[in-house]
Amino acid sequence: MIKLLAYTKYYFIFSALIIIPGLVSLGLYGLLAGIDFVGGTTYEVKFNKFVSNEEIARLVGESVPEVALNSVVSTGESQILLRMSPISDDQRLKLRDALKAGYGDFTELEFETVGATLGRELLEKTLIAAAIALIAIIIFLAWAFKNIVFGLSAVVAMLHDTLVILGIFSLLGHFYSVEVDALFVAALLTILSFSVHDTVVVFDRIRERTHGDFTSNFDQVANRALNETMVRSLNNSLAIIFMLLALLILGGASLKFFVLALLVGSISGTYSSPCIAVPMLRIFFKLQRKYAH
């Protein structure tokens, strides 16, 4: 039997090395919010020949100077995605005529405008949903395992996964202009549920072996539970990771960063369940016994 809890210090150090740069990036740069949150227009087009981003930016500035162009991103061969302030139908027609006059026929792949009010409402609902989910998980696990420390430990693991994803996307947003949108929120909430599911499996095995008595031989019981569930967890996680890798490599550009968020979260969730949640459970048990006497 591998004594996995003996390496708790190294788990925490490894997590800190990943999370701290992300926290610094979040503090300095934050997240690059997409139009789903701040409002604006996205306009994706495909040309019949190569067009540089600089040429497109110049043409947009000349044809609709009143529109603020946020970014120009290549999403594929001869495909350009424009992100700008909200534009009217007349401005869209003017921009389309200018693109056609400058570069010939092209195909419109996407055109979407979201108002700033709707963006703020979506952000508020996202934060409320996340808060409700955290509180519900704490209450449910405290009831299911008859001890609140199980809920607290699971939430710490969830926060670990959340910080990993947010930090990585903050860095990607600063250096590669990767925006977070409604799909990112969906990926984040999905990963939180995945993380809790894996954690509950380990916790349930610990409860079965202790018969509700968590005061004696906790390390031995936890190590045995981790060893017994490790293969199952890895098999499930690898199946998901391989599928996400295939989608990331072969999928469309519009889903690329959604899939990347799921991939990062899946890897982090697989790691956090045995390496963060269980060590935190041991710490909370020690604190609980210390202050109970």
C-alpha atoms as a PDB file:
ATOM      1  CA  MET A   1       0.000   0.000   0.000  1.00  0.00           C
ATOM      2  CA  ILE A   2       1.351   3.421  -1.015  1.00  0.00           C
ATOM      3  CA  LYS A   3       1.243   5.917   1.855  1.00  0.00           C
ATOM      4  CA  LEU A   4      -0.033   8.807  -0.229  1.00  0.00           C
ATOM      5  CA  LEU A   5      -0.733  11.071   2.730  1.00  0.00           C
ATOM      6  CA  ALA A   6       2.973  11.026   3.594  1.00  0.00           C
ATOM      7  CA  TYR A   7       3.573  13.372   0.635  1.00  0.00           C
ATOM      8  CA  THR A   8       1.018  16.014   1.653  1.00  0.00           C
ATOM      9  CA  LYS A   9       3.681  18.723   1.919  1.00  0.00           C
ATOM     10  CA  TYR A  10       4.744  18.153  -1.677  1.00  0.00           C
ATOM     11  CA  TYR A  11       1.133  18.234  -2.899  1.00  0.00           C
ATOM     12  CA  PHE A  12       0.629  21.641  -1.309  1.00  0.00           C
ATOM     13  CA  ILE A  13       3.929  22.956  -2.684  1.00  0.00           C
ATOM     14  CA  PHE A  14       3.067  21.768  -6.189  1.00  0.00           C
ATOM     15  CA  SER A  15      -0.388  23.378  -6.003  1.00  0.00           C
ATOM     16  CA  ALA A  16       1.120  26.634  -4.739  1.00  0.00           C
ATOM     17  CA  LEU A  17       3.566  26.740  -7.662  1.00  0.00           C
ATOM     18  CA  ILE A  18       0.608  26.583 -10.053  1.00  0.00           C
ATOM     19  CA  ILE A  19      -1.887  28.771  -8.176  1.00  0.00           C
ATOM     20  CA  ILE A  20       0.371  31.647  -7.028  1.00  0.00           C
ATOM     21  CA  PRO A  21       1.350  32.831 -10.556  1.00  0.00           C
ATOM     22  CA  GLY A  22      -2.330  32.681 -11.478  1.00  0.00           C
ATOM     23  CA  LEU A  23      -3.307  34.727  -8.424  1.00  0.00           C
ATOM     24  CA  VAL A  24      -0.668  37.324  -9.278  1.00  0.00           C
ATOM     25  CA  SER A  25      -2.036  37.485 -12.826  1.00  0.00           C
ATOM     26  CA  LEU A  26      -5.601  37.790 -11.532  1.00  0.00           C
ATOM     27  CA  GLY A  27      -4.538  40.624  -9.236  1.00  0.00           C
ATOM     28  CA  LEU A  28      -2.602  42.495 -11.929  1.00  0.00           C
ATOM     29  CA  TYR A  29      -4.612  41.786 -15.076  1.00  0.00           C
ATOM     30  CA  GLY A  30      -7.846  40.071 -14.045  1.00  0.00           C
ATOM     31  CA  LEU A  31      -9.779  38.089 -16.639  1.00  0.00           C
ATOM     32  CA  LEU A  32     -10.322  39.322 -20.180  1.00  0.00           C
ATOM     33  CA  ALA A  33     -14.123  39.408 -20.218  1.00  0.00           C
ATOM     34  CA  GLY A  34     -15.914  38.589 -23.462  1.00  0.00           C
ATOM     35  CA  ILE A  35     -19.003  40.320 -24.792  1.00  0.00           C
ATOM     36  CA  ASP A  36     -21.229  37.978 -22.787  1.00  0.00           C
ATOM     37  CA  PHE A  37     -20.178  39.951 -19.698  1.00  0.00           C
ATOM     38  CA  VAL A  38     -19.253  43.452 -20.880  1.00  0.00           C
ATOM     39  CA  GLY A  39     -21.427  43.774 -23.968  1.00  0.00           C
ATOM     40  CA  GLY A  40     -20.304  44.314 -27.549  1.00  0.00           C
ATOM     41  CA  THR A  41     -20.281  42.730 -30.990  1.00  0.00           C
ATOM     42  CA  THR A  42     -18.396  39.754 -32.397  1.00  0.00           C
ATOM     43  CA  TYR A  43     -18.123  39.445 -36.158  1.00  0.00           C
ATOM     44  CA  GLU A  44     -16.388  36.426 -37.686  1.00  0.00           C
ATOM     45  CA  VAL A  45     -15.740  36.222 -41.420  1.00  0.00           C
ATOM     46  CA  LYS A  46     -13.902  33.925 -43.830  1.00  0.00           C
ATOM     47  CA  PHE A  47     -12.126  35.338 -46.871  1.00  0.00           C
ATOM     48  CA  ASN A  48     -11.097  33.602 -50.069  1.00  0.00           C
ATOM     49  CA  LYS A  49      -7.503  34.768 -49.666  1.00  0.00           C
ATOM     50  CA  PHE A  50      -5.067  35.558 -46.891  1.00  0.00           C
ATOM     51  CA  VAL A  51      -5.733  38.815 -45.036  1.00  0.00           C
ATOM     52  CA  SER A  52      -3.543  40.154 -42.232  1.00  0.00           C
ATOM     53  CA  ASN A  53      -5.009  41.267 -38.923  1.00  0.00           C
ATOM     54  CA  GLU A  54      -3.363  44.681 -39.286  1.00  0.00           C
ATOM     55  CA  GLU A  55      -5.055  45.291 -42.647  1.00  0.00           C
ATOM     56  CA  ILE A  56      -8.451  44.381 -41.206  1.00  0.00           C
ATOM     57  CA  ALA A  57      -7.952  46.648 -38.190  1.00  0.00           C
ATOM     58  CA  ARG A  58      -7.020  49.546 -40.459  1.00  0.00           C
ATOM     59  CA  LEU A  59     -10.037  48.981 -42.713  1.00  0.00           C
ATOM     60  CA  VAL A  60     -12.435  48.828 -39.747  1.00  0.00           C
ATOM     61  CA  GLY A  61     -11.020  52.068 -38.391  1.00  0.00           C
ATOM     62  CA  GLU A  62     -11.469  53.791 -41.749  1.00  0.00           C
ATOM     63  CA  SER A  63     -14.963  52.456 -42.571  1.00  0.00           C
ATOM     64  CA  VAL A  64     -16.616  52.791 -39.141  1.00  0.00           C
ATOM     65  CA  PRO A  65     -14.372  55.150 -37.113  1.00  0.00           C
ATOM     66  CA  GLU A  66     -17.052  55.607 -34.446  1.00  0.00           C
ATOM     67  CA  VAL A  67     -16.818  51.904 -33.487  1.00  0.00           C
ATOM     68  CA  ALA A  68     -14.211  50.882 -30.897  1.00  0.00           C
ATOM     69  CA  LEU A  69     -12.327  47.807 -32.137  1.00  0.00           C
ATOM     70  CA  ASN A  70     -11.200  45.693 -29.192  1.00  0.00           C
ATOM     71  CA  SER A  71      -9.323  42.899 -30.968  1.00  0.00           C
ATOM     72  CA  VAL A  72      -8.717  41.141 -34.263  1.00  0.00           C
ATOM     73  CA  VAL A  73      -8.012  37.411 -33.927  1.00  0.00           C
ATOM     74  CA  SER A  74      -7.237  34.787 -36.580  1.00  0.00           C
ATOM     75  CA  THR A  75      -9.464  31.762 -35.925  1.00  0.00           C
ATOM     76  CA  GLY A  76      -8.435  29.659 -38.913  1.00  0.00           C
ATOM     77  CA  GLU A  77      -7.101  29.812 -42.417  1.00  0.00           C
ATOM     78  CA  SER A  78      -8.259  33.177 -43.828  1.00  0.00           C
ATOM     79  CA  GLN A  79     -10.746  33.489 -40.929  1.00  0.00           C
ATOM     80  CA  ILE A  80     -10.901  36.647 -38.830  1.00  0.00           C
ATOM     81  CA  LEU A  81     -12.841  37.324 -35.622  1.00  0.00           C
ATOM     82  CA  LEU A  82     -13.529  40.972 -34.800  1.00  0.00           C
ATOM     83  CA  ARG A  83     -14.498  42.038 -31.282  1.00  0.00           C
ATOM     84  CA  MET A  84     -15.799  45.585 -31.012  1.00  0.00           C
ATOM     85  CA  SER A  85     -18.256  47.843 -29.268  1.00  0.00           C
ATOM     86  CA  PRO A  86     -21.949  47.279 -30.151  1.00  0.00           C
ATOM     87  CA  ILE A  87     -22.690  48.263 -33.757  1.00  0.00           C
ATOM     88  CA  SER A  88     -25.964  49.063 -35.489  1.00  0.00           C
ATOM     89  CA  ASP A  89     -27.352  47.434 -38.627  1.00  0.00           C
ATOM     90  CA  ASP A  90     -26.271  50.452 -40.691  1.00  0.00           C
ATOM     91  CA  GLN A  91     -22.725  50.212 -39.346  1.00  0.00           C
ATOM     92  CA  ARG A  92     -22.688  46.490 -40.064  1.00  0.00           C
ATOM     93  CA  LEU A  93     -23.700  47.103 -43.688  1.00  0.00           C
ATOM     94  CA  LYS A  94     -21.061  49.819 -44.044  1.00  0.00           C
ATOM     95  CA  LEU A  95     -18.377  47.497 -42.628  1.00  0.00           C
ATOM     96  CA  ARG A  96     -19.494  44.611 -44.826  1.00  0.00           C
ATOM     97  CA  ASP A  97     -19.358  46.793 -47.961  1.00  0.00           C
ATOM     98  CA  ALA A  98     -15.879  48.004 -47.024  1.00  0.00           C
ATOM     99  CA  LEU A  99     -14.612  44.435 -46.478  1.00  0.00           C
ATOM    100  CA  LYS A 100     -16.073  43.331 -49.814  1.00  0.00           C
ATOM    101  CA  ALA A 101     -14.590  46.292 -51.656  1.00  0.00           C
ATOM    102  CA  GLY A 102     -11.179  45.712 -50.111  1.00  0.00           C
ATOM    103  CA  TYR A 103     -10.889  41.913 -50.196  1.00  0.00           C
ATOM    104  CA  GLY A 104     -13.590  40.572 -52.485  1.00  0.00           C
ATOM    105  CA  ASP A 105     -16.352  38.122 -51.611  1.00  0.00           C
ATOM    106  CA  PHE A 106     -16.303  36.592 -48.131  1.00  0.00           C
ATOM    107  CA  THR A 107     -18.518  34.445 -45.910  1.00  0.00           C
ATOM    108  CA  GLU A 108     -20.083  35.690 -42.692  1.00  0.00           C
ATOM    109  CA  LEU A 109     -19.645  32.942 -40.074  1.00  0.00           C
ATOM    110  CA  GLU A 110     -20.968  34.706 -36.993  1.00  0.00           C
ATOM    111  CA  PHE A 111     -22.477  38.017 -35.982  1.00  0.00           C
ATOM    112  CA  GLU A 112     -23.610  38.582 -32.411  1.00  0.00           C
ATOM    113  CA  THR A 113     -24.345  41.678 -30.361  1.00  0.00           C
ATOM    114  CA  VAL A 114     -24.896  41.655 -26.590  1.00  0.00           C
ATOM    115  CA  GLY A 115     -25.901  44.741 -24.624  1.00  0.00           C
ATOM    116  CA  ALA A 116     -23.911  45.797 -21.569  1.00  0.00           C
ATOM    117  CA  THR A 117     -26.993  45.420 -19.341  1.00  0.00           C
ATOM    118  CA  LEU A 118     -27.420  41.777 -20.333  1.00  0.00           C
ATOM    119  CA  GLY A 119     -23.710  41.208 -19.721  1.00  0.00           C
ATOM    120  CA  ARG A 120     -23.901  42.547 -16.161  1.00  0.00           C
ATOM    121  CA  GLU A 121     -27.013  40.468 -15.480  1.00  0.00           C
ATOM    122  CA  LEU A 122     -25.246  37.313 -16.689  1.00  0.00           C
ATOM    123  CA  LEU A 123     -22.239  38.019 -14.459  1.00  0.00           C
ATOM    124  CA  GLU A 124     -24.458  38.563 -11.411  1.00  0.00           C
ATOM    125  CA  LYS A 125     -26.366  35.331 -12.063  1.00  0.00           C
ATOM    126  CA  THR A 126     -23.091  33.439 -12.510  1.00  0.00           C
ATOM    127  CA  LEU A 127     -21.759  34.595  -9.133  1.00  0.00           C
ATOM    128  CA  ILE A 128     -25.066  33.815  -7.417  1.00  0.00           C
ATOM    129  CA  ALA A 129     -25.187  30.332  -8.973  1.00  0.00           C
ATOM    130  CA  ALA A 130     -21.618  29.588  -7.852  1.00  0.00           C
ATOM    131  CA  ALA A 131     -22.332  30.775  -4.290  1.00  0.00           C
ATOM    132  CA  ILE A 132     -25.511  28.690  -4.077  1.00  0.00           C
ATOM    133  CA  ALA A 133     -23.651  25.631  -5.364  1.00  0.00           C
ATOM    134  CA  LEU A 134     -20.888  25.990  -2.762  1.00  0.00           C
ATOM    135  CA  ILE A 135     -23.338  26.405   0.123  1.00  0.00           C
ATOM    136  CA  ALA A 136     -25.492  23.493  -1.078  1.00  0.00           C
ATOM    137  CA  ILE A 137     -22.455  21.203  -1.348  1.00  0.00           C
ATOM    138  CA  ILE A 138     -21.294  22.047   2.182  1.00  0.00           C
ATOM    139  CA  ILE A 139     -24.761  21.409   3.616  1.00  0.00           C
ATOM    140  CA  PHE A 140     -25.339  18.192   1.664  1.00  0.00           C
ATOM    141  CA  LEU A 141     -21.960  16.624   2.490  1.00  0.00           C
ATOM    142  CA  ALA A 142     -22.265  17.668   6.125  1.00  0.00           C
ATOM    143  CA  TRP A 143     -25.649  15.908   6.253  1.00  0.00           C
ATOM    144  CA  ALA A 144     -24.553  12.846   4.238  1.00  0.00           C
ATOM    145  CA  PHE A 145     -21.378  12.234   6.268  1.00  0.00           C
ATOM    146  CA  LYS A 146     -22.744  13.567   9.561  1.00  0.00           C
ATOM    147  CA  ASN A 147     -19.789  15.955   9.872  1.00  0.00           C
ATOM    148  CA  ILE A 148     -19.281  19.405   8.384  1.00  0.00           C
ATOM    149  CA  VAL A 149     -15.540  18.871   7.825  1.00  0.00           C
ATOM    150  CA  PHE A 150     -16.349  16.671   4.815  1.00  0.00           C
ATOM    151  CA  GLY A 151     -18.198  19.548   3.173  1.00  0.00           C
ATOM    152  CA  LEU A 152     -15.449  22.037   4.003  1.00  0.00           C
ATOM    153  CA  SER A 153     -12.743  19.730   2.619  1.00  0.00           C
ATOM    154  CA  ALA A 154     -14.652  19.219  -0.632  1.00  0.00           C
ATOM    155  CA  VAL A 155     -15.125  22.968  -1.023  1.00  0.00           C
ATOM    156  CA  VAL A 156     -11.403  23.592  -0.486  1.00  0.00           C
ATOM    157  CA  ALA A 157     -10.686  21.145  -3.326  1.00  0.00           C
ATOM    158  CA  MET A 158     -13.264  22.934  -5.480  1.00  0.00           C
ATOM    159  CA  LEU A 159     -11.686  26.302  -4.737  1.00  0.00           C
ATOM    160  CA  HIS A 160      -8.308  24.811  -5.646  1.00  0.00           C
ATOM    161  CA  ASP A 161      -9.631  23.743  -9.060  1.00  0.00           C
ATOM    162  CA  THR A 162     -11.361  27.092  -9.553  1.00  0.00           C
ATOM    163  CA  LEU A 163      -8.173  29.048  -8.837  1.00  0.00           C
ATOM    164  CA  VAL A 164      -6.174  26.832 -11.190  1.00  0.00           C
ATOM    165  CA  ILE A 165      -8.591  27.461 -14.069  1.00  0.00           C
ATOM    166  CA  LEU A 166      -9.047  31.181 -13.356  1.00  0.00           C
ATOM    167  CA  GLY A 167      -5.305  31.728 -13.012  1.00  0.00           C
ATOM    168  CA  ILE A 168      -4.463  29.931 -16.246  1.00  0.00           C
ATOM    169  CA  PHE A 169      -7.127  31.826 -18.190  1.00  0.00           C
ATOM    170  CA  SER A 170      -5.996  35.112 -16.670  1.00  0.00           C
ATOM    171  CA  LEU A 171      -2.498  34.432 -18.015  1.00  0.00           C
ATOM    172  CA  LEU A 172      -3.906  33.339 -21.382  1.00  0.00           C
ATOM    173  CA  GLY A 173      -6.048  36.452 -21.518  1.00  0.00           C
ATOM    174  CA  HIS A 174      -3.104  38.756 -20.827  1.00  0.00           C
ATOM    175  CA  PHE A 175      -0.586  37.129 -23.173  1.00  0.00           C
ATOM    176  CA  TYR A 176      -2.842  35.643 -25.890  1.00  0.00           C
ATOM    177  CA  SER A 177      -6.073  37.727 -25.660  1.00  0.00           C
ATOM    178  CA  VAL A 178      -8.190  34.715 -24.642  1.00  0.00           C
ATOM    179  CA  GLU A 179     -11.570  35.912 -23.414  1.00  0.00           C
ATOM    180  CA  VAL A 180     -13.899  34.302 -20.886  1.00  0.00           C
ATOM    181  CA  ASP A 181     -17.539  34.010 -21.883  1.00  0.00           C
ATOM    182  CA  ALA A 182     -20.697  32.053 -21.068  1.00  0.00           C
ATOM    183  CA  LEU A 183     -19.097  28.833 -22.327  1.00  0.00           C
ATOM    184  CA  PHE A 184     -16.240  29.355 -19.893  1.00  0.00           C
ATOM    185  CA  VAL A 185     -18.736  29.664 -17.039  1.00  0.00           C
ATOM    186  CA  ALA A 186     -20.447  26.448 -18.171  1.00  0.00           C
ATOM    187  CA  ALA A 187     -17.072  24.677 -18.235  1.00  0.00           C
ATOM    188  CA  LEU A 188     -16.191  25.987 -14.768  1.00  0.00           C
ATOM    189  CA  LEU A 189     -19.442  24.817 -13.179  1.00  0.00           C
ATOM    190  CA  THR A 190     -19.126  21.442 -14.928  1.00  0.00           C
ATOM    191  CA  ILE A 191     -15.621  20.956 -13.539  1.00  0.00           C
ATOM    192  CA  LEU A 192     -16.758  21.812 -10.018  1.00  0.00           C
ATOM    193  CA  SER A 193     -19.349  19.042 -10.156  1.00  0.00           C
ATOM    194  CA  PHE A 194     -16.748  16.627 -11.557  1.00  0.00           C
ATOM    195  CA  SER A 195     -14.332  17.495  -8.755  1.00  0.00           C
ATOM    196  CA  VAL A 196     -16.939  16.937  -6.042  1.00  0.00           C
ATOM    197  CA  HIS A 197     -18.036  13.626  -7.554  1.00  0.00           C
ATOM    198  CA  ASP A 198     -14.491  12.230  -7.424  1.00  0.00           C
ATOM    199  CA  THR A 199     -13.986  13.548  -3.897  1.00  0.00           C
ATOM    200  CA  VAL A 200     -17.209  11.999  -2.592  1.00  0.00           C
ATOM    201  CA  VAL A 201     -16.121   8.556  -3.828  1.00  0.00           C
ATOM    202  CA  VAL A 202     -12.956   8.728  -1.697  1.00  0.00           C
ATOM    203  CA  PHE A 203     -14.814  10.172   1.293  1.00  0.00           C
ATOM    204  CA  ASP A 204     -17.421   7.432   1.128  1.00  0.00           C
ATOM    205  CA  ARG A 205     -14.731   4.753   1.166  1.00  0.00           C
ATOM    206  CA  ILE A 206     -13.164   6.410   4.229  1.00  0.00           C
ATOM    207  CA  ARG A 207     -16.541   6.433   5.983  1.00  0.00           C
ATOM    208  CA  GLU A 208     -17.123   2.756   5.180  1.00  0.00           C
ATOM    209  CA  ARG A 209     -13.787   1.732   6.674  1.00  0.00           C
ATOM    210  CA  THR A 210     -14.104   3.832   9.826  1.00  0.00           C
ATOM    211  CA  HIS A 211     -17.790   3.035  10.455  1.00  0.00           C
ATOM    212  CA  GLY A 212     -18.263   6.668  11.405  1.00  0.00           C
ATOM    213  CA  ASP A 213     -15.392   6.699  13.938  1.00  0.00           C
ATOM    214  CA  PHE A 214     -12.847   9.103  12.450  1.00  0.00           C
ATOM    215  CA  THR A 215     -10.709   9.516  15.550  1.00  0.00           C
ATOM    216  CA  SER A 216      -8.482   6.454  15.261  1.00  0.00           C
ATOM    217  CA  ASN A 217      -5.988   5.386  12.569  1.00  0.00           C
ATOM    218  CA  PHE A 218      -7.229   8.021  10.151  1.00  0.00           C
ATOM    219  CA  ASP A 219      -4.017   8.081   8.086  1.00  0.00           C
ATOM    220  CA  GLN A 220      -4.041   4.313   7.604  1.00  0.00           C
ATOM    221  CA  VAL A 221      -7.717   4.255   6.632  1.00  0.00           C
ATOM    222  CA  ALA A 222      -7.356   7.232   4.286  1.00  0.00           C
ATOM    223  CA  ASN A 223      -4.289   5.748   2.576  1.00  0.00           C
ATOM    224  CA  ARG A 224      -6.114   2.469   2.031  1.00  0.00           C
ATOM    225  CA  ALA A 225      -9.175   4.288   0.671  1.00  0.00           C
ATOM    226  CA  LEU A 226      -6.996   6.287  -1.717  1.00  0.00           C
ATOM    227  CA  ASN A 227      -5.222   3.169  -2.967  1.00  0.00           C
ATOM    228  CA  GLU A 228      -8.518   1.346  -3.516  1.00  0.00           C
ATOM    229  CA  THR A 229     -10.143   4.189  -5.469  1.00  0.00           C
ATOM    230  CA  MET A 230      -7.081   5.452  -7.371  1.00  0.00           C
ATOM    231  CA  VAL A 231      -7.348   3.073 -10.337  1.00  0.00           C
ATOM    232  CA  ARG A 232     -11.055   3.762 -10.781  1.00  0.00           C
ATOM    233  CA  SER A 233     -10.528   7.521 -10.612  1.00  0.00           C
ATOM    234  CA  LEU A 234      -7.632   7.468 -13.062  1.00  0.00           C
ATOM    235  CA  ASN A 235      -9.521   5.284 -15.541  1.00  0.00           C
ATOM    236  CA  ASN A 236     -12.541   7.596 -15.489  1.00  0.00           C
ATOM    237  CA  SER A 237     -10.420  10.723 -15.720  1.00  0.00           C
ATOM    238  CA  LEU A 238      -8.204   9.444 -18.531  1.00  0.00           C
ATOM    239  CA  ALA A 239     -11.246   8.527 -20.598  1.00  0.00           C
ATOM    240  CA  ILE A 240     -12.518  12.110 -20.230  1.00  0.00           C
ATOM    241  CA  ILE A 241      -9.082  13.642 -20.854  1.00  0.00           C
ATOM    242  CA  PHE A 242      -8.499  11.643 -24.056  1.00  0.00           C
ATOM    243  CA  MET A 243     -11.900  12.697 -25.382  1.00  0.00           C
ATOM    244  CA  LEU A 244     -11.224  16.357 -24.576  1.00  0.00           C
ATOM    245  CA  LEU A 245      -7.785  16.177 -26.200  1.00  0.00           C
ATOM    246  CA  ALA A 246      -9.400  14.865 -29.377  1.00  0.00           C
ATOM    247  CA  LEU A 247     -11.924  17.718 -29.316  1.00  0.00           C
ATOM    248  CA  LEU A 248      -9.179  20.256 -28.657  1.00  0.00           C
ATOM    249  CA  ILE A 249      -7.095  19.036 -31.591  1.00  0.00           C
ATOM    250  CA  LEU A 250      -9.863  18.271 -34.079  1.00  0.00           C
ATOM    251  CA  GLY A 251     -12.720  20.503 -32.917  1.00  0.00           C
ATOM    252  CA  GLY A 252     -13.693  23.918 -34.240  1.00  0.00           C
ATOM    253  CA  ALA A 253     -12.126  27.198 -33.189  1.00  0.00           C
ATOM    254  CA  SER A 254     -15.312  28.365 -31.459  1.00  0.00           C
ATOM    255  CA  LEU A 255     -15.097  25.490 -28.961  1.00  0.00           C
ATOM    256  CA  LYS A 256     -11.326  25.468 -28.474  1.00  0.00           C
ATOM    257  CA  PHE A 257     -11.117  27.426 -25.235  1.00  0.00           C
ATOM    258  CA  PHE A 258     -14.277  25.860 -23.817  1.00  0.00           C
ATOM    259  CA  VAL A 259     -12.667  22.454 -24.296  1.00  0.00           C
ATOM    260  CA  LEU A 260      -9.360  23.760 -22.903  1.00  0.00           C
ATOM    261  CA  ALA A 261     -11.127  24.906 -19.718  1.00  0.00           C
ATOM    262  CA  LEU A 262     -12.724  21.466 -19.360  1.00  0.00           C
ATOM    263  CA  LEU A 263      -9.359  19.777 -19.956  1.00  0.00           C
ATOM    264  CA  VAL A 264      -7.506  21.877 -17.386  1.00  0.00           C
ATOM    265  CA  GLY A 265     -10.318  21.407 -14.893  1.00  0.00           C
ATOM    266  CA  SER A 266     -10.465  17.648 -15.430  1.00  0.00           C
ATOM    267  CA  ILE A 267      -6.741  17.285 -14.786  1.00  0.00           C
ATOM    268  CA  SER A 268      -6.914  19.559 -11.749  1.00  0.00           C
ATOM    269  CA  GLY A 269      -9.997  17.770 -10.398  1.00  0.00           C
ATOM    270  CA  THR A 270      -8.340  14.376 -10.769  1.00  0.00           C
ATOM    271  CA  TYR A 271      -5.370  15.693  -8.797  1.00  0.00           C
ATOM    272  CA  SER A 272      -7.252  17.651  -6.133  1.00  0.00           C
ATOM    273  CA  SER A 273      -9.551  14.854  -4.944  1.00  0.00           C
ATOM    274  CA  PRO A 274      -6.780  12.627  -3.487  1.00  0.00           C
ATOM    275  CA  CYS A 275      -4.060  15.247  -3.052  1.00  0.00           C
ATOM    276  CA  ILE A 276      -5.982  18.235  -1.671  1.00  0.00           C
ATOM    277  CA  ALA A 277      -9.383  17.099  -0.385  1.00  0.00           C
ATOM    278  CA  VAL A 278      -8.169  14.149   1.725  1.00  0.00           C
ATOM    279  CA  PRO A 279      -5.176  15.977   3.280  1.00  0.00           C
ATOM    280  CA  MET A 280      -7.505  18.888   4.095  1.00  0.00           C
ATOM    281  CA  LEU A 281      -9.946  16.408   5.658  1.00  0.00           C
ATOM    282  CA  ARG A 282      -7.152  15.195   7.928  1.00  0.00           C
ATOM    283  CA  ILE A 283      -6.259  18.788   8.879  1.00  0.00           C
ATOM    284  CA  PHE A 284      -9.886  19.667   9.642  1.00  0.00           C
ATOM    285  CA  PHE A 285     -10.320  16.519  11.745  1.00  0.00           C
ATOM    286  CA  LYS A 286      -7.256  17.436  13.803  1.00  0.00           C
ATOM    287  CA  LEU A 287      -8.563  20.963  14.328  1.00  0.00           C
ATOM    288  CA  GLN A 288     -12.003  19.652  15.205  1.00  0.00           C
ATOM    289  CA  ARG A 289     -10.603  17.263  17.832  1.00  0.00           C
ATOM    290  CA  LYS A 290      -8.302  19.966  19.188  1.00  0.00           C
ATOM    291  CA  TYR A 291     -11.069  22.487  19.805  1.00  0.00           C
ATOM    292  CA  ALA A 292     -13.616  19.887  20.892  1.00  0.00           C
ATOM    293  CA  HIS A 293     -11.690  19.179  24.088  1.00  0.00           C
END
